[in-house]
Structures are given as C-alpha cells and as structure tokens.
N, C-alpha and C. Protein backbone atom coordinates (compact mmCIF):
# COMPACT_ATOMS: atom_id res chain seq x y z
N MET A 1 -50.81 -35.52 -137.15
CA MET A 1 -51.47 -36.59 -136.44
C MET A 1 -50.63 -37.86 -136.56
N VAL A 2 -50.62 -38.62 -135.49
CA VAL A 2 -49.99 -39.93 -135.48
C VAL A 2 -51.10 -40.96 -135.35
N ALA A 3 -51.11 -41.93 -136.24
CA ALA A 3 -52.12 -42.99 -136.21
C ALA A 3 -51.43 -44.33 -136.06
N GLY A 4 -51.75 -45.04 -134.99
CA GLY A 4 -51.23 -46.39 -134.78
C GLY A 4 -52.27 -47.39 -135.22
N ILE A 5 -51.91 -48.27 -136.14
CA ILE A 5 -52.83 -49.29 -136.64
C ILE A 5 -52.40 -50.63 -136.07
N GLY A 6 -53.37 -51.40 -135.56
CA GLY A 6 -53.01 -52.69 -135.00
C GLY A 6 -54.20 -53.47 -134.48
N SER A 7 -53.87 -54.49 -133.70
CA SER A 7 -54.87 -55.34 -133.06
C SER A 7 -54.19 -55.94 -131.82
N PRO A 8 -54.95 -56.64 -130.98
CA PRO A 8 -54.34 -57.24 -129.79
C PRO A 8 -53.63 -58.57 -130.05
N HIS A 9 -53.27 -58.85 -131.28
CA HIS A 9 -52.70 -60.15 -131.66
C HIS A 9 -51.19 -60.06 -131.88
N GLY A 10 -50.43 -60.48 -130.89
CA GLY A 10 -48.97 -60.57 -131.04
C GLY A 10 -48.34 -59.29 -131.52
N ASP A 11 -47.48 -59.42 -132.53
CA ASP A 11 -46.72 -58.27 -133.04
C ASP A 11 -47.58 -57.26 -133.78
N ASP A 12 -48.84 -57.61 -134.04
CA ASP A 12 -49.74 -56.64 -134.67
C ASP A 12 -50.01 -55.46 -133.74
N GLN A 13 -49.60 -55.58 -132.48
CA GLN A 13 -49.72 -54.49 -131.52
C GLN A 13 -48.65 -53.42 -131.71
N ALA A 14 -47.67 -53.67 -132.55
CA ALA A 14 -46.53 -52.75 -132.69
C ALA A 14 -46.97 -51.33 -133.06
N GLY A 15 -47.91 -51.19 -133.98
CA GLY A 15 -48.38 -49.86 -134.37
C GLY A 15 -48.99 -49.12 -133.20
N TRP A 16 -49.79 -49.82 -132.41
CA TRP A 16 -50.40 -49.22 -131.23
C TRP A 16 -49.33 -48.82 -130.22
N GLU A 17 -48.36 -49.71 -129.99
CA GLU A 17 -47.32 -49.43 -129.00
C GLU A 17 -46.48 -48.22 -129.40
N MET A 18 -46.15 -48.10 -130.68
CA MET A 18 -45.39 -46.93 -131.13
C MET A 18 -46.21 -45.66 -130.91
N ALA A 19 -47.48 -45.69 -131.27
CA ALA A 19 -48.33 -44.51 -131.12
C ALA A 19 -48.51 -44.15 -129.64
N ARG A 20 -48.71 -45.15 -128.79
CA ARG A 20 -48.86 -44.88 -127.35
C ARG A 20 -47.60 -44.24 -126.77
N GLU A 21 -46.45 -44.73 -127.21
CA GLU A 21 -45.19 -44.16 -126.71
C GLU A 21 -45.05 -42.70 -127.15
N ILE A 22 -45.44 -42.39 -128.35
CA ILE A 22 -45.40 -40.98 -128.79
C ILE A 22 -46.37 -40.15 -127.96
N GLU A 23 -47.53 -40.70 -127.67
CA GLU A 23 -48.51 -39.99 -126.85
C GLU A 23 -47.95 -39.70 -125.46
N ARG A 24 -47.19 -40.63 -124.90
CA ARG A 24 -46.57 -40.44 -123.58
C ARG A 24 -45.60 -39.26 -123.58
N ARG A 25 -45.08 -38.91 -124.74
CA ARG A 25 -44.13 -37.80 -124.84
C ARG A 25 -44.82 -36.44 -124.79
N LYS A 26 -46.13 -36.44 -124.89
CA LYS A 26 -46.97 -35.25 -124.71
C LYS A 26 -46.59 -34.08 -125.61
N TYR A 27 -46.48 -34.34 -126.89
CA TYR A 27 -46.31 -33.24 -127.85
C TYR A 27 -47.62 -32.46 -127.90
N SER A 28 -47.55 -31.17 -127.65
CA SER A 28 -48.77 -30.36 -127.62
C SER A 28 -49.42 -30.21 -129.00
N HIS A 29 -48.67 -30.40 -130.04
CA HIS A 29 -49.15 -30.17 -131.41
C HIS A 29 -49.45 -31.46 -132.17
N VAL A 30 -49.39 -32.60 -131.49
CA VAL A 30 -49.59 -33.88 -132.17
C VAL A 30 -50.75 -34.62 -131.52
N SER A 31 -51.74 -34.96 -132.32
CA SER A 31 -52.82 -35.81 -131.80
C SER A 31 -52.48 -37.26 -132.16
N VAL A 32 -52.86 -38.18 -131.28
CA VAL A 32 -52.56 -39.60 -131.48
C VAL A 32 -53.88 -40.37 -131.48
N LYS A 33 -54.04 -41.22 -132.47
CA LYS A 33 -55.23 -42.06 -132.60
C LYS A 33 -54.79 -43.51 -132.76
N LEU A 34 -55.60 -44.42 -132.24
CA LEU A 34 -55.36 -45.86 -132.41
C LEU A 34 -56.47 -46.43 -133.26
N ALA A 35 -56.10 -47.18 -134.28
CA ALA A 35 -57.06 -47.74 -135.23
C ALA A 35 -56.93 -49.25 -135.28
N ARG A 36 -58.04 -49.91 -135.53
CA ARG A 36 -58.02 -51.35 -135.78
C ARG A 36 -57.88 -51.64 -137.26
N THR A 37 -58.31 -50.71 -138.10
CA THR A 37 -58.19 -50.90 -139.55
C THR A 37 -57.73 -49.59 -140.19
N PRO A 38 -57.05 -49.66 -141.31
CA PRO A 38 -56.63 -48.44 -142.01
C PRO A 38 -57.81 -47.56 -142.40
N ALA A 39 -58.98 -48.15 -142.64
CA ALA A 39 -60.15 -47.36 -143.03
C ALA A 39 -60.53 -46.32 -141.98
N ASP A 40 -60.18 -46.55 -140.71
CA ASP A 40 -60.44 -45.57 -139.66
C ASP A 40 -59.77 -44.23 -139.96
N LEU A 41 -58.67 -44.27 -140.69
CA LEU A 41 -57.96 -43.03 -141.03
C LEU A 41 -58.86 -42.05 -141.78
N LEU A 42 -59.77 -42.56 -142.58
CA LEU A 42 -60.64 -41.69 -143.38
C LEU A 42 -61.49 -40.78 -142.51
N ASP A 43 -61.77 -41.18 -141.28
CA ASP A 43 -62.55 -40.34 -140.36
C ASP A 43 -61.69 -39.28 -139.68
N TRP A 44 -60.39 -39.45 -139.68
CA TRP A 44 -59.53 -38.59 -138.88
C TRP A 44 -58.63 -37.65 -139.66
N ILE A 45 -58.22 -38.03 -140.84
CA ILE A 45 -57.19 -37.24 -141.53
C ILE A 45 -57.72 -35.86 -141.92
N GLU A 46 -56.79 -34.91 -141.91
CA GLU A 46 -57.07 -33.55 -142.32
C GLU A 46 -56.00 -33.15 -143.32
N PRO A 47 -56.42 -32.63 -144.48
CA PRO A 47 -55.44 -32.28 -145.51
C PRO A 47 -54.35 -31.32 -145.03
N GLY A 48 -54.64 -30.46 -144.06
CA GLY A 48 -53.66 -29.47 -143.61
C GLY A 48 -52.70 -29.94 -142.54
N ARG A 49 -52.80 -31.18 -142.11
CA ARG A 49 -51.92 -31.69 -141.05
C ARG A 49 -51.16 -32.90 -141.54
N ASP A 50 -49.88 -32.97 -141.20
CA ASP A 50 -49.07 -34.13 -141.56
C ASP A 50 -49.66 -35.39 -140.92
N LEU A 51 -49.40 -36.51 -141.55
CA LEU A 51 -49.87 -37.80 -141.05
C LEU A 51 -48.69 -38.75 -140.93
N LEU A 52 -48.47 -39.26 -139.72
CA LEU A 52 -47.48 -40.31 -139.48
C LEU A 52 -48.25 -41.56 -139.08
N ILE A 53 -48.03 -42.63 -139.81
CA ILE A 53 -48.73 -43.89 -139.57
C ILE A 53 -47.75 -44.89 -138.97
N CYS A 54 -48.18 -45.56 -137.90
CA CYS A 54 -47.39 -46.62 -137.26
C CYS A 54 -48.12 -47.94 -137.49
N ASP A 55 -47.39 -48.95 -137.93
CA ASP A 55 -48.02 -50.24 -138.20
C ASP A 55 -46.96 -51.33 -138.12
N ALA A 56 -47.41 -52.56 -138.19
CA ALA A 56 -46.51 -53.71 -138.34
C ALA A 56 -46.62 -54.16 -139.79
N CYS A 57 -45.55 -54.76 -140.30
CA CYS A 57 -45.58 -55.21 -141.69
C CYS A 57 -44.88 -56.55 -141.82
N GLN A 58 -45.04 -57.17 -142.99
CA GLN A 58 -44.34 -58.42 -143.32
C GLN A 58 -43.80 -58.30 -144.73
N GLY A 59 -42.58 -58.77 -144.92
CA GLY A 59 -42.01 -58.81 -146.26
C GLY A 59 -41.05 -57.69 -146.56
N ALA A 60 -40.72 -56.89 -145.54
CA ALA A 60 -39.79 -55.78 -145.78
C ALA A 60 -38.41 -56.04 -145.20
N GLY A 61 -38.26 -57.10 -144.38
CA GLY A 61 -36.97 -57.38 -143.77
C GLY A 61 -37.07 -58.42 -142.67
N GLU A 62 -36.07 -58.43 -141.81
CA GLU A 62 -36.02 -59.37 -140.69
C GLU A 62 -36.97 -58.93 -139.58
N PRO A 63 -37.50 -59.88 -138.79
CA PRO A 63 -38.35 -59.50 -137.66
C PRO A 63 -37.66 -58.47 -136.77
N GLY A 64 -38.41 -57.43 -136.45
CA GLY A 64 -37.88 -56.35 -135.63
C GLY A 64 -37.24 -55.22 -136.42
N SER A 65 -37.04 -55.40 -137.72
CA SER A 65 -36.43 -54.32 -138.50
C SER A 65 -37.43 -53.17 -138.65
N ILE A 66 -36.89 -51.96 -138.65
CA ILE A 66 -37.69 -50.74 -138.71
C ILE A 66 -37.65 -50.20 -140.13
N HIS A 67 -38.81 -49.77 -140.62
CA HIS A 67 -38.91 -49.26 -141.99
C HIS A 67 -39.67 -47.95 -142.00
N GLN A 68 -39.33 -47.11 -142.97
CA GLN A 68 -39.99 -45.82 -143.11
C GLN A 68 -40.16 -45.53 -144.59
N TRP A 69 -41.38 -45.11 -144.97
CA TRP A 69 -41.67 -44.77 -146.36
C TRP A 69 -42.43 -43.46 -146.41
N GLU A 70 -42.25 -42.74 -147.51
CA GLU A 70 -43.06 -41.56 -147.82
C GLU A 70 -44.14 -42.00 -148.80
N TRP A 71 -45.35 -41.52 -148.62
CA TRP A 71 -46.42 -41.80 -149.58
C TRP A 71 -46.37 -40.74 -150.66
N PRO A 72 -46.52 -41.08 -151.91
CA PRO A 72 -46.68 -42.42 -152.48
C PRO A 72 -45.34 -43.12 -152.68
N CYS A 73 -45.37 -44.42 -152.63
CA CYS A 73 -44.16 -45.23 -152.81
C CYS A 73 -44.57 -46.59 -153.37
N GLY A 74 -44.07 -46.94 -154.53
CA GLY A 74 -44.42 -48.20 -155.18
C GLY A 74 -44.08 -49.42 -154.36
N GLN A 75 -43.05 -49.32 -153.52
CA GLN A 75 -42.63 -50.46 -152.71
C GLN A 75 -43.74 -50.89 -151.73
N LEU A 76 -44.61 -49.98 -151.36
CA LEU A 76 -45.66 -50.29 -150.38
C LEU A 76 -46.61 -51.37 -150.87
N ASP A 77 -46.79 -51.48 -152.17
CA ASP A 77 -47.68 -52.51 -152.71
C ASP A 77 -47.12 -53.91 -152.53
N GLU A 78 -45.81 -54.03 -152.31
CA GLU A 78 -45.17 -55.33 -152.14
C GLU A 78 -45.17 -55.80 -150.68
N ILE A 79 -45.55 -54.91 -149.77
CA ILE A 79 -45.51 -55.20 -148.34
C ILE A 79 -46.87 -55.74 -147.90
N ARG A 80 -46.84 -56.75 -147.04
CA ARG A 80 -48.07 -57.22 -146.40
C ARG A 80 -48.18 -56.49 -145.07
N TRP A 81 -49.32 -55.88 -144.85
CA TRP A 81 -49.52 -55.12 -143.62
C TRP A 81 -50.16 -56.01 -142.58
N SER A 82 -50.01 -55.61 -141.34
CA SER A 82 -50.48 -56.44 -140.23
C SER A 82 -51.99 -56.57 -140.22
N GLY A 83 -52.47 -57.59 -139.53
CA GLY A 83 -53.89 -57.77 -139.32
C GLY A 83 -54.63 -58.30 -140.53
N THR A 84 -55.92 -58.29 -140.40
CA THR A 84 -56.79 -58.77 -141.47
C THR A 84 -57.69 -57.63 -141.91
N HIS A 85 -57.08 -56.57 -142.38
CA HIS A 85 -57.83 -55.38 -142.74
C HIS A 85 -58.68 -55.64 -143.99
N GLN A 86 -59.92 -55.17 -143.96
CA GLN A 86 -60.79 -55.30 -145.13
C GLN A 86 -60.28 -54.43 -146.27
N MET A 87 -59.73 -53.29 -145.94
CA MET A 87 -59.19 -52.39 -146.94
C MET A 87 -57.73 -52.14 -146.58
N SER A 88 -56.85 -52.30 -147.54
CA SER A 88 -55.42 -52.19 -147.27
C SER A 88 -55.03 -50.74 -146.96
N LEU A 89 -53.90 -50.60 -146.31
CA LEU A 89 -53.38 -49.26 -146.01
C LEU A 89 -53.17 -48.48 -147.30
N THR A 90 -52.57 -49.11 -148.30
CA THR A 90 -52.34 -48.39 -149.56
C THR A 90 -53.66 -48.05 -150.24
N GLY A 91 -54.66 -48.91 -150.13
CA GLY A 91 -55.97 -48.62 -150.70
C GLY A 91 -56.63 -47.42 -150.03
N VAL A 92 -56.51 -47.34 -148.71
CA VAL A 92 -57.08 -46.21 -147.97
C VAL A 92 -56.38 -44.91 -148.35
N LEU A 93 -55.06 -44.94 -148.43
CA LEU A 93 -54.32 -43.73 -148.79
C LEU A 93 -54.65 -43.29 -150.21
N ALA A 94 -54.77 -44.24 -151.12
CA ALA A 94 -55.12 -43.90 -152.51
C ALA A 94 -56.53 -43.30 -152.57
N LEU A 95 -57.47 -43.85 -151.80
CA LEU A 95 -58.82 -43.32 -151.77
C LEU A 95 -58.84 -41.90 -151.20
N ALA A 96 -58.13 -41.70 -150.10
CA ALA A 96 -58.06 -40.36 -149.50
C ALA A 96 -57.49 -39.35 -150.50
N GLU A 97 -56.50 -39.80 -151.26
CA GLU A 97 -55.90 -38.93 -152.27
C GLU A 97 -56.93 -38.57 -153.35
N GLN A 98 -57.68 -39.56 -153.82
CA GLN A 98 -58.71 -39.33 -154.84
C GLN A 98 -59.81 -38.40 -154.33
N LEU A 99 -60.11 -38.48 -153.04
CA LEU A 99 -61.15 -37.64 -152.44
C LEU A 99 -60.64 -36.24 -152.09
N GLY A 100 -59.34 -36.01 -152.29
CA GLY A 100 -58.76 -34.71 -151.95
C GLY A 100 -58.61 -34.49 -150.47
N ARG A 101 -58.54 -35.56 -149.69
CA ARG A 101 -58.45 -35.46 -148.23
C ARG A 101 -57.09 -35.86 -147.68
N LEU A 102 -56.18 -36.27 -148.54
CA LEU A 102 -54.89 -36.75 -148.08
C LEU A 102 -53.97 -35.57 -147.74
N PRO A 103 -53.34 -35.61 -146.57
CA PRO A 103 -52.37 -34.57 -146.25
C PRO A 103 -51.22 -34.56 -147.26
N GLN A 104 -50.56 -33.43 -147.35
CA GLN A 104 -49.45 -33.30 -148.29
C GLN A 104 -48.29 -34.21 -147.90
N HIS A 105 -48.07 -34.36 -146.60
CA HIS A 105 -46.95 -35.19 -146.11
C HIS A 105 -47.50 -36.39 -145.34
N VAL A 106 -47.27 -37.58 -145.89
CA VAL A 106 -47.68 -38.82 -145.23
C VAL A 106 -46.45 -39.71 -145.13
N ARG A 107 -46.12 -40.09 -143.91
CA ARG A 107 -44.97 -40.95 -143.68
C ARG A 107 -45.45 -42.18 -142.92
N ILE A 108 -44.98 -43.33 -143.35
CA ILE A 108 -45.38 -44.60 -142.74
C ILE A 108 -44.16 -45.21 -142.05
N TRP A 109 -44.32 -45.53 -140.78
CA TRP A 109 -43.28 -46.21 -140.00
C TRP A 109 -43.80 -47.59 -139.65
N ALA A 110 -42.99 -48.60 -139.87
CA ALA A 110 -43.43 -49.96 -139.58
C ALA A 110 -42.29 -50.79 -139.01
N ILE A 111 -42.66 -51.75 -138.19
CA ILE A 111 -41.72 -52.73 -137.66
C ILE A 111 -42.12 -54.08 -138.24
N GLU A 112 -41.13 -54.78 -138.76
CA GLU A 112 -41.38 -56.11 -139.33
C GLU A 112 -41.82 -57.05 -138.21
N LEU A 113 -42.97 -57.69 -138.40
CA LEU A 113 -43.48 -58.56 -137.34
C LEU A 113 -42.87 -59.96 -137.42
N HIS A 114 -42.93 -60.63 -136.29
CA HIS A 114 -42.45 -62.01 -136.18
C HIS A 114 -43.64 -62.96 -136.11
N SER A 115 -44.64 -62.60 -135.29
CA SER A 115 -45.80 -63.46 -135.07
C SER A 115 -47.00 -62.59 -134.72
N ASN A 116 -48.17 -62.97 -135.22
CA ASN A 116 -49.38 -62.22 -134.85
C ASN A 116 -50.53 -63.17 -134.50
N HIS A 117 -50.22 -64.10 -133.62
CA HIS A 117 -51.23 -65.07 -133.18
C HIS A 117 -52.07 -64.48 -132.05
N SER A 118 -53.33 -64.83 -132.03
CA SER A 118 -54.27 -64.34 -131.04
C SER A 118 -53.79 -64.67 -129.63
N GLY A 119 -53.91 -63.69 -128.75
CA GLY A 119 -53.57 -63.90 -127.35
C GLY A 119 -52.11 -63.72 -127.01
N GLU A 120 -51.25 -63.58 -127.99
CA GLU A 120 -49.82 -63.40 -127.71
C GLU A 120 -49.52 -61.93 -127.44
N SER A 121 -48.44 -61.70 -126.71
CA SER A 121 -47.95 -60.34 -126.53
C SER A 121 -46.90 -60.08 -127.61
N LEU A 122 -46.34 -58.88 -127.62
CA LEU A 122 -45.30 -58.57 -128.59
C LEU A 122 -44.12 -59.53 -128.44
N SER A 123 -43.55 -59.95 -129.54
CA SER A 123 -42.35 -60.80 -129.48
C SER A 123 -41.18 -59.96 -128.98
N ALA A 124 -40.17 -60.62 -128.46
CA ALA A 124 -38.99 -59.91 -127.96
C ALA A 124 -38.32 -59.11 -129.07
N ALA A 125 -38.29 -59.66 -130.29
CA ALA A 125 -37.64 -58.97 -131.42
C ALA A 125 -38.33 -57.65 -131.73
N VAL A 126 -39.65 -57.64 -131.68
CA VAL A 126 -40.39 -56.41 -131.98
C VAL A 126 -40.39 -55.46 -130.79
N GLN A 127 -40.63 -55.97 -129.59
CA GLN A 127 -40.63 -55.12 -128.40
C GLN A 127 -39.32 -54.36 -128.26
N ALA A 128 -38.22 -55.03 -128.54
CA ALA A 128 -36.90 -54.39 -128.42
C ALA A 128 -36.73 -53.24 -129.40
N ARG A 129 -37.48 -53.22 -130.48
CA ARG A 129 -37.30 -52.19 -131.51
C ARG A 129 -38.33 -51.06 -131.44
N VAL A 130 -39.37 -51.22 -130.63
CA VAL A 130 -40.39 -50.17 -130.53
C VAL A 130 -39.75 -48.85 -130.11
N PHE A 131 -38.91 -48.88 -129.08
CA PHE A 131 -38.30 -47.64 -128.58
C PHE A 131 -37.44 -46.99 -129.66
N ALA A 132 -36.65 -47.78 -130.38
CA ALA A 132 -35.80 -47.21 -131.44
C ALA A 132 -36.65 -46.59 -132.54
N ALA A 133 -37.75 -47.23 -132.88
CA ALA A 133 -38.64 -46.67 -133.91
C ALA A 133 -39.23 -45.36 -133.43
N VAL A 134 -39.65 -45.31 -132.18
CA VAL A 134 -40.24 -44.09 -131.63
C VAL A 134 -39.21 -42.97 -131.57
N GLU A 135 -37.99 -43.28 -131.21
CA GLU A 135 -36.95 -42.25 -131.20
C GLU A 135 -36.78 -41.64 -132.59
N ALA A 136 -36.76 -42.47 -133.61
CA ALA A 136 -36.64 -41.97 -134.98
C ALA A 136 -37.87 -41.16 -135.37
N MET A 137 -39.05 -41.61 -134.97
CA MET A 137 -40.28 -40.88 -135.27
C MET A 137 -40.29 -39.53 -134.56
N CYS A 138 -39.82 -39.47 -133.32
CA CYS A 138 -39.79 -38.21 -132.58
C CYS A 138 -38.85 -37.22 -133.24
N GLU A 139 -37.74 -37.70 -133.76
CA GLU A 139 -36.84 -36.83 -134.51
C GLU A 139 -37.56 -36.31 -135.75
N ASP A 140 -38.30 -37.17 -136.40
CA ASP A 140 -39.10 -36.80 -137.57
C ASP A 140 -40.12 -35.72 -137.19
N ILE A 141 -40.82 -35.91 -136.06
CA ILE A 141 -41.81 -34.93 -135.60
C ILE A 141 -41.13 -33.60 -135.30
N SER A 142 -40.00 -33.64 -134.62
CA SER A 142 -39.28 -32.40 -134.31
C SER A 142 -38.83 -31.68 -135.57
N ASN A 143 -38.35 -32.41 -136.55
CA ASN A 143 -37.95 -31.80 -137.82
C ASN A 143 -39.14 -31.18 -138.53
N SER A 144 -40.29 -31.84 -138.47
CA SER A 144 -41.49 -31.30 -139.11
C SER A 144 -41.91 -29.99 -138.46
N VAL A 145 -41.80 -29.92 -137.14
CA VAL A 145 -42.17 -28.70 -136.44
C VAL A 145 -41.23 -27.58 -136.81
N SER A 146 -39.93 -27.87 -136.86
CA SER A 146 -38.96 -26.82 -137.18
C SER A 146 -39.13 -26.32 -138.60
N GLN A 147 -39.68 -27.16 -139.47
CA GLN A 147 -39.93 -26.75 -140.85
C GLN A 147 -41.35 -26.22 -141.03
N GLY A 148 -42.13 -26.18 -139.95
CA GLY A 148 -43.48 -25.65 -140.02
C GLY A 148 -44.48 -26.56 -140.71
N GLU A 149 -44.21 -27.86 -140.75
CA GLU A 149 -45.08 -28.77 -141.48
C GLU A 149 -46.26 -29.26 -140.66
N ILE A 150 -46.15 -29.26 -139.34
CA ILE A 150 -47.24 -29.74 -138.50
C ILE A 150 -47.90 -28.53 -137.85
N GLU A 151 -49.20 -28.42 -138.00
CA GLU A 151 -49.93 -27.31 -137.40
C GLU A 151 -50.08 -27.54 -135.91
N HIS A 152 -50.09 -26.46 -135.16
CA HIS A 152 -50.32 -26.56 -133.72
C HIS A 152 -51.80 -26.68 -133.45
N ALA A 153 -52.14 -27.46 -132.46
CA ALA A 153 -53.56 -27.66 -132.12
C ALA A 153 -54.11 -26.43 -131.43
C-alpha cells in the first residue's frame, strides 16, 4: 500500500501529489490512500502488505530534497513532519508496531518542504522534485514485486 499524507496547504500537498502520481501509473498490486493525518494509517495498514508512506518534512535538508528511510530509524525523531498532526508519524508507526499491526517492510519517502501556508499551491522547488521522488518510489515498488514483498490484490 502507498499512503500519501498531507493537506491542501502549500508544500504539505507533496505527500498527496506523490501518491496520486503513483496511482496514475496503475499498478495492479498497489492500493493508494490519501490521509490528512498519520493516524488514518491505523485504519488501513495490513501486516502482510508492504507500506510506502509519502509525506513532506522539515529539517532533513534543503527545500525540494528527497529523503527515504526504513522504519524503524532513529533519525525520524529529529524530523518535523508536515501539517499539524495530532499524532506524529513516528508515534503512529510505533503504536501499530505495539499492536502487532505494522507491516514487516515500511519505507517513508519525503520531500523537504519550503512553505505550507494556507491557500498556497506547491512551491516550484517541491513541484520540480515530485516526479523524481515518484520515479525512485516506482523503482522501489518494482524491486519489491520482484522480491515477492508486495502481495497482489
């Protein structure tokens, strides 16, 4: 499953845009969901299916830079995630793990945001990198399929 986390505020849309672009590629074995908060993941995740999360972040690099982490990763606690989530992405993943609901393979893809003000569209720096992030994610999805990590729907 691919989950895009975001909101309609500026670069916070990056997670949604990455997920929508993957959905446009029509992978028969990948479901795509759009979330406003990381807590939405708790309703969707399945322990037997890989999880790829798309989001915007702050504090990992220059605006527009692309980042990828495997869960668990201590560096994730140092990153500020996009939006005003009541429960952090790392908190949701830790809870899912404690509940025995976390997939074995969780990968997080993020683009460093520039601005997330209400009513703004994606900044040029982030928009220019969405396609590159999706290309890398699609390679990741293809590798997962060849290794049998993603179940077919």
